[in-house]
């Protein structure tokens, strides 16, 4: 590989990382316009394994904007990113795949009854889930964008008044 190709690969990795971080921030902050802008025009999202829907990114953003009202506090983390850039005979292509694990602590509206202190009720998560994202990305004129994201939820934990008892 040439130094120019190496630099291009590093720049692609940084740009894709910014898209994936932007995805987490948009969902956590409820920035649905930003969420939509991260996808290609034909982009899709699949949240079915986490109890959600699958469809065009704009429709999924509308669904998320309503569903996330149940969780006023949320902060999911995307870690263990494994990126595979398309290789065109030693030169970078315009497609990429990224698998990454996530952990998503959230707070339901109202929270469990009987917890001490209003500050604790506002910040302590009572719903946590984890799993793996599968992102397919495409280089566009506007930069790297998500063509498809699929959520593979592996586990979830409910605490406080939400548990069966």
C-alpha atoms as a PDB file:
ATOM      1  CA  UNK A   1       0.000   0.000   0.000  1.00  0.00           C
ATOM      2  CA  UNK A   2       1.099   3.510  -0.629  1.00  0.00           C
ATOM      3  CA  UNK A   3       1.272   6.177   2.010  1.00  0.00           C
ATOM      4  CA  UNK A   4      -1.693   7.909   0.312  1.00  0.00           C
ATOM      5  CA  UNK A   5      -3.824   4.741   0.554  1.00  0.00           C
ATOM      6  CA  UNK A   6      -2.816   4.289   4.205  1.00  0.00           C
ATOM      7  CA  UNK A   7      -3.817   7.874   4.980  1.00  0.00           C
ATOM      8  CA  UNK A   8      -7.108   7.423   3.147  1.00  0.00           C
ATOM      9  CA  UNK A   9      -7.832   4.283   5.186  1.00  0.00           C
ATOM     10  CA  UNK A  10      -7.115   6.100   8.446  1.00  0.00           C
ATOM     11  CA  UNK A  11      -9.381   8.972   7.380  1.00  0.00           C
ATOM     12  CA  UNK A  12     -12.162   6.508   6.469  1.00  0.00           C
ATOM     13  CA  UNK A  13     -11.861   4.832   9.871  1.00  0.00           C
ATOM     14  CA  UNK A  14     -12.070   8.165  11.682  1.00  0.00           C
ATOM     15  CA  UNK A  15     -15.028   9.288   9.579  1.00  0.00           C
ATOM     16  CA  UNK A  16     -16.920   6.053  10.162  1.00  0.00           C
ATOM     17  CA  UNK A  17     -16.189   6.261  13.883  1.00  0.00           C
ATOM     18  CA  UNK A  18     -17.685   9.781  13.896  1.00  0.00           C
ATOM     19  CA  UNK A  19     -20.847   8.464  12.191  1.00  0.00           C
ATOM     20  CA  UNK A  20     -21.266   5.650  14.732  1.00  0.00           C
ATOM     21  CA  UNK A  21     -20.635   8.000  17.663  1.00  0.00           C
ATOM     22  CA  UNK A  22     -23.095  10.464  16.101  1.00  0.00           C
ATOM     23  CA  UNK A  23     -25.656   7.660  15.956  1.00  0.00           C
ATOM     24  CA  UNK A  24     -25.356   6.973  19.701  1.00  0.00           C
ATOM     25  CA  UNK A  25     -25.499  10.669  20.581  1.00  0.00           C
ATOM     26  CA  UNK A  26     -28.512  11.299  18.330  1.00  0.00           C
ATOM     27  CA  UNK A  27     -30.499   8.444  19.895  1.00  0.00           C
ATOM     28  CA  UNK A  28     -29.516   9.385  23.452  1.00  0.00           C
ATOM     29  CA  UNK A  29     -30.246  13.090  22.937  1.00  0.00           C
ATOM     30  CA  UNK A  30     -33.426  12.564  20.916  1.00  0.00           C
ATOM     31  CA  UNK A  31     -31.897  14.471  17.991  1.00  0.00           C
ATOM     32  CA  UNK A  32     -34.028  12.834  15.313  1.00  0.00           C
ATOM     33  CA  UNK A  33     -33.065  15.243  12.531  1.00  0.00           C
ATOM     34  CA  UNK A  34     -29.422  14.362  13.218  1.00  0.00           C
ATOM     35  CA  UNK A  35     -30.355  10.653  13.303  1.00  0.00           C
ATOM     36  CA  UNK A  36     -31.999  10.869   9.875  1.00  0.00           C
ATOM     37  CA  UNK A  37     -28.982  12.735   8.436  1.00  0.00           C
ATOM     38  CA  UNK A  38     -26.680   9.826   9.351  1.00  0.00           C
ATOM     39  CA  UNK A  39     -28.408   7.525   6.846  1.00  0.00           C
ATOM     40  CA  UNK A  40     -28.292   7.240   3.081  1.00  0.00           C
ATOM     41  CA  UNK A  41     -31.469   8.239   1.232  1.00  0.00           C
ATOM     42  CA  UNK A  42     -32.509   4.574   1.119  1.00  0.00           C
ATOM     43  CA  UNK A  43     -31.174   3.805   4.622  1.00  0.00           C
ATOM     44  CA  UNK A  44     -32.955   1.308   6.841  1.00  0.00           C
ATOM     45  CA  UNK A  45     -32.958   0.366  10.515  1.00  0.00           C
ATOM     46  CA  UNK A  46     -34.062  -2.875  12.159  1.00  0.00           C
ATOM     47  CA  UNK A  47     -34.871  -2.847  15.892  1.00  0.00           C
ATOM     48  CA  UNK A  48     -37.108  -5.946  15.902  1.00  0.00           C
ATOM     49  CA  UNK A  49     -34.943  -8.032  18.268  1.00  0.00           C
ATOM     50  CA  UNK A  50     -35.246  -5.222  20.827  1.00  0.00           C
ATOM     51  CA  UNK A  51     -39.046  -5.100  20.515  1.00  0.00           C
ATOM     52  CA  UNK A  52     -39.071  -2.416  17.834  1.00  0.00           C
ATOM     53  CA  UNK A  53     -39.736  -2.049  14.154  1.00  0.00           C
ATOM     54  CA  UNK A  54     -37.871  -2.369  10.856  1.00  0.00           C
ATOM     55  CA  UNK A  55     -38.105   0.013   7.946  1.00  0.00           C
ATOM     56  CA  UNK A  56     -36.838   3.151   6.262  1.00  0.00           C
ATOM     57  CA  UNK A  57     -34.667   5.230   8.602  1.00  0.00           C
ATOM     58  CA  UNK A  58     -37.083   8.182   8.500  1.00  0.00           C
ATOM     59  CA  UNK A  59     -40.010   5.998   9.631  1.00  0.00           C
ATOM     60  CA  UNK A  60     -37.905   4.354  12.319  1.00  0.00           C
ATOM     61  CA  UNK A  61     -36.818   7.810  13.529  1.00  0.00           C
ATOM     62  CA  UNK A  62     -40.485   8.765  13.897  1.00  0.00           C
ATOM     63  CA  UNK A  63     -41.136   5.579  15.874  1.00  0.00           C
ATOM     64  CA  UNK A  64     -38.059   6.188  18.053  1.00  0.00           C
ATOM     65  CA  UNK A  65     -39.095   9.783  18.733  1.00  0.00           C
ATOM     66  CA  UNK A  66     -42.336   8.491  20.281  1.00  0.00           C
ATOM     67  CA  UNK A  67     -40.931   5.386  21.990  1.00  0.00           C
ATOM     68  CA  UNK A  68     -37.981   7.144  23.602  1.00  0.00           C
ATOM     69  CA  UNK A  69     -40.370   9.490  25.418  1.00  0.00           C
ATOM     70  CA  UNK A  70     -40.765   6.553  27.835  1.00  0.00           C
ATOM     71  CA  UNK A  71     -37.047   6.821  28.638  1.00  0.00           C
ATOM     72  CA  UNK A  72     -36.125  10.433  29.457  1.00  0.00           C
ATOM     73  CA  UNK A  73     -32.683   9.339  30.660  1.00  0.00           C
ATOM     74  CA  UNK A  74     -30.615   7.181  28.328  1.00  0.00           C
ATOM     75  CA  UNK A  75     -26.967   6.826  27.458  1.00  0.00           C
ATOM     76  CA  UNK A  76     -25.916   3.885  25.415  1.00  0.00           C
ATOM     77  CA  UNK A  77     -22.343   2.946  24.786  1.00  0.00           C
ATOM     78  CA  UNK A  78     -21.048   1.421  21.564  1.00  0.00           C
ATOM     79  CA  UNK A  79     -17.840  -0.559  22.098  1.00  0.00           C
ATOM     80  CA  UNK A  80     -15.665  -3.318  20.616  1.00  0.00           C
ATOM     81  CA  UNK A  81     -15.997  -1.898  17.117  1.00  0.00           C
ATOM     82  CA  UNK A  82     -14.837  -4.224  14.351  1.00  0.00           C
ATOM     83  CA  UNK A  83     -14.599  -2.437  11.034  1.00  0.00           C
ATOM     84  CA  UNK A  84     -14.204  -4.071   7.640  1.00  0.00           C
ATOM     85  CA  UNK A  85     -13.525  -1.639   4.794  1.00  0.00           C
ATOM     86  CA  UNK A  86     -14.143  -2.760   1.229  1.00  0.00           C
ATOM     87  CA  UNK A  87     -10.830  -3.592  -0.431  1.00  0.00           C
ATOM     88  CA  UNK A  88     -10.553  -3.064  -4.171  1.00  0.00           C
ATOM     89  CA  UNK A  89      -7.211  -4.707  -4.846  1.00  0.00           C
ATOM     90  CA  UNK A  90      -5.305  -2.708  -2.275  1.00  0.00           C
ATOM     91  CA  UNK A  91      -7.382   0.439  -2.617  1.00  0.00           C
ATOM     92  CA  UNK A  92     -10.296   1.420  -0.369  1.00  0.00           C
ATOM     93  CA  UNK A  93     -13.784   1.026  -1.745  1.00  0.00           C
ATOM     94  CA  UNK A  94     -16.988   2.855  -0.922  1.00  0.00           C
ATOM     95  CA  UNK A  95     -18.558   0.261   1.372  1.00  0.00           C
ATOM     96  CA  UNK A  96     -17.884  -0.779   4.949  1.00  0.00           C
ATOM     97  CA  UNK A  97     -19.302  -3.084   7.590  1.00  0.00           C
ATOM     98  CA  UNK A  98     -19.004  -2.504  11.286  1.00  0.00           C
ATOM     99  CA  UNK A  99     -20.019  -4.776  14.135  1.00  0.00           C
ATOM    100  CA  UNK A 100     -20.072  -3.291  17.604  1.00  0.00           C
ATOM    101  CA  UNK A 101     -21.379  -4.298  20.990  1.00  0.00           C
ATOM    102  CA  UNK A 102     -23.623  -1.979  22.944  1.00  0.00           C
ATOM    103  CA  UNK A 103     -24.848  -1.485  26.480  1.00  0.00           C
ATOM    104  CA  UNK A 104     -27.849   0.747  26.961  1.00  0.00           C
ATOM    105  CA  UNK A 105     -28.817   1.911  30.479  1.00  0.00           C
ATOM    106  CA  UNK A 106     -32.076   3.876  30.525  1.00  0.00           C
ATOM    107  CA  UNK A 107     -34.522   5.335  33.010  1.00  0.00           C
ATOM    108  CA  UNK A 108     -38.250   4.874  32.545  1.00  0.00           C
ATOM    109  CA  UNK A 109     -40.596   7.785  33.145  1.00  0.00           C
ATOM    110  CA  UNK A 110     -41.436   7.866  36.852  1.00  0.00           C
ATOM    111  CA  UNK A 111     -39.015   5.084  37.751  1.00  0.00           C
ATOM    112  CA  UNK A 112     -39.521   2.524  40.522  1.00  0.00           C
ATOM    113  CA  UNK A 113     -41.523   3.511  43.574  1.00  0.00           C
ATOM    114  CA  UNK A 114     -39.898   3.880  46.957  1.00  0.00           C
ATOM    115  CA  UNK A 115     -36.350   4.760  45.963  1.00  0.00           C
ATOM    116  CA  UNK A 116     -34.606   7.211  48.278  1.00  0.00           C
ATOM    117  CA  UNK A 117     -34.057  10.747  47.007  1.00  0.00           C
ATOM    118  CA  UNK A 118     -35.435  12.385  43.901  1.00  0.00           C
ATOM    119  CA  UNK A 119     -31.921  12.705  42.423  1.00  0.00           C
ATOM    120  CA  UNK A 120     -31.548   8.901  42.548  1.00  0.00           C
ATOM    121  CA  UNK A 121     -34.918   8.426  40.822  1.00  0.00           C
ATOM    122  CA  UNK A 122     -33.839  10.790  38.060  1.00  0.00           C
ATOM    123  CA  UNK A 123     -30.487   9.171  37.298  1.00  0.00           C
ATOM    124  CA  UNK A 124     -30.383   5.504  38.318  1.00  0.00           C
ATOM    125  CA  UNK A 125     -31.141   3.230  35.361  1.00  0.00           C
ATOM    126  CA  UNK A 126     -33.936   0.730  35.813  1.00  0.00           C
ATOM    127  CA  UNK A 127     -33.796  -0.749  32.326  1.00  0.00           C
ATOM    128  CA  UNK A 128     -30.527  -1.963  30.838  1.00  0.00           C
ATOM    129  CA  UNK A 129     -30.020  -3.916  27.648  1.00  0.00           C
ATOM    130  CA  UNK A 130     -27.059  -5.109  25.666  1.00  0.00           C
ATOM    131  CA  UNK A 131     -26.295  -6.668  22.354  1.00  0.00           C
ATOM    132  CA  UNK A 132     -24.590  -6.092  19.044  1.00  0.00           C
ATOM    133  CA  UNK A 133     -25.121  -3.674  16.194  1.00  0.00           C
ATOM    134  CA  UNK A 134     -24.428  -4.580  12.578  1.00  0.00           C
ATOM    135  CA  UNK A 135     -23.882  -1.446  10.491  1.00  0.00           C
ATOM    136  CA  UNK A 136     -23.528  -1.333   6.729  1.00  0.00           C
ATOM    137  CA  UNK A 137     -22.083   1.976   5.555  1.00  0.00           C
ATOM    138  CA  UNK A 138     -21.680   3.648   2.203  1.00  0.00           C
ATOM    139  CA  UNK A 139     -19.408   6.484   1.126  1.00  0.00           C
ATOM    140  CA  UNK A 140     -21.583   9.245  -0.355  1.00  0.00           C
ATOM    141  CA  UNK A 141     -20.899  12.741  -1.684  1.00  0.00           C
ATOM    142  CA  UNK A 142     -21.718  13.960   1.844  1.00  0.00           C
ATOM    143  CA  UNK A 143     -19.314  11.465   3.461  1.00  0.00           C
ATOM    144  CA  UNK A 144     -19.878   8.074   5.085  1.00  0.00           C
ATOM    145  CA  UNK A 145     -23.518   7.281   5.859  1.00  0.00           C
ATOM    146  CA  UNK A 146     -25.378   4.320   7.348  1.00  0.00           C
ATOM    147  CA  UNK A 147     -27.140   2.257   4.721  1.00  0.00           C
ATOM    148  CA  UNK A 148     -28.499  -0.229   7.244  1.00  0.00           C
ATOM    149  CA  UNK A 149     -28.288  -0.841  10.973  1.00  0.00           C
ATOM    150  CA  UNK A 150     -29.561  -4.013  12.596  1.00  0.00           C
ATOM    151  CA  UNK A 151     -29.845  -4.390  16.361  1.00  0.00           C
ATOM    152  CA  UNK A 152     -29.237  -7.842  17.837  1.00  0.00           C
ATOM    153  CA  UNK A 153     -30.352  -7.527  21.462  1.00  0.00           C
ATOM    154  CA  UNK A 154     -28.775 -10.288  23.557  1.00  0.00           C
ATOM    155  CA  UNK A 155     -30.040  -9.447  27.031  1.00  0.00           C
ATOM    156  CA  UNK A 156     -32.023  -7.009  29.123  1.00  0.00           C
ATOM    157  CA  UNK A 157     -32.485  -6.380  32.820  1.00  0.00           C
ATOM    158  CA  UNK A 158     -35.356  -4.605  34.552  1.00  0.00           C
ATOM    159  CA  UNK A 159     -34.995  -3.516  38.172  1.00  0.00           C
ATOM    160  CA  UNK A 160     -37.028  -1.948  40.944  1.00  0.00           C
ATOM    161  CA  UNK A 161     -40.815  -1.922  40.646  1.00  0.00           C
ATOM    162  CA  UNK A 162     -40.586  -3.320  37.125  1.00  0.00           C
ATOM    163  CA  UNK A 163     -39.512  -6.789  38.211  1.00  0.00           C
ATOM    164  CA  UNK A 164     -42.075  -9.518  38.741  1.00  0.00           C
ATOM    165  CA  UNK A 165     -42.853  -9.984  42.344  1.00  0.00           C
END
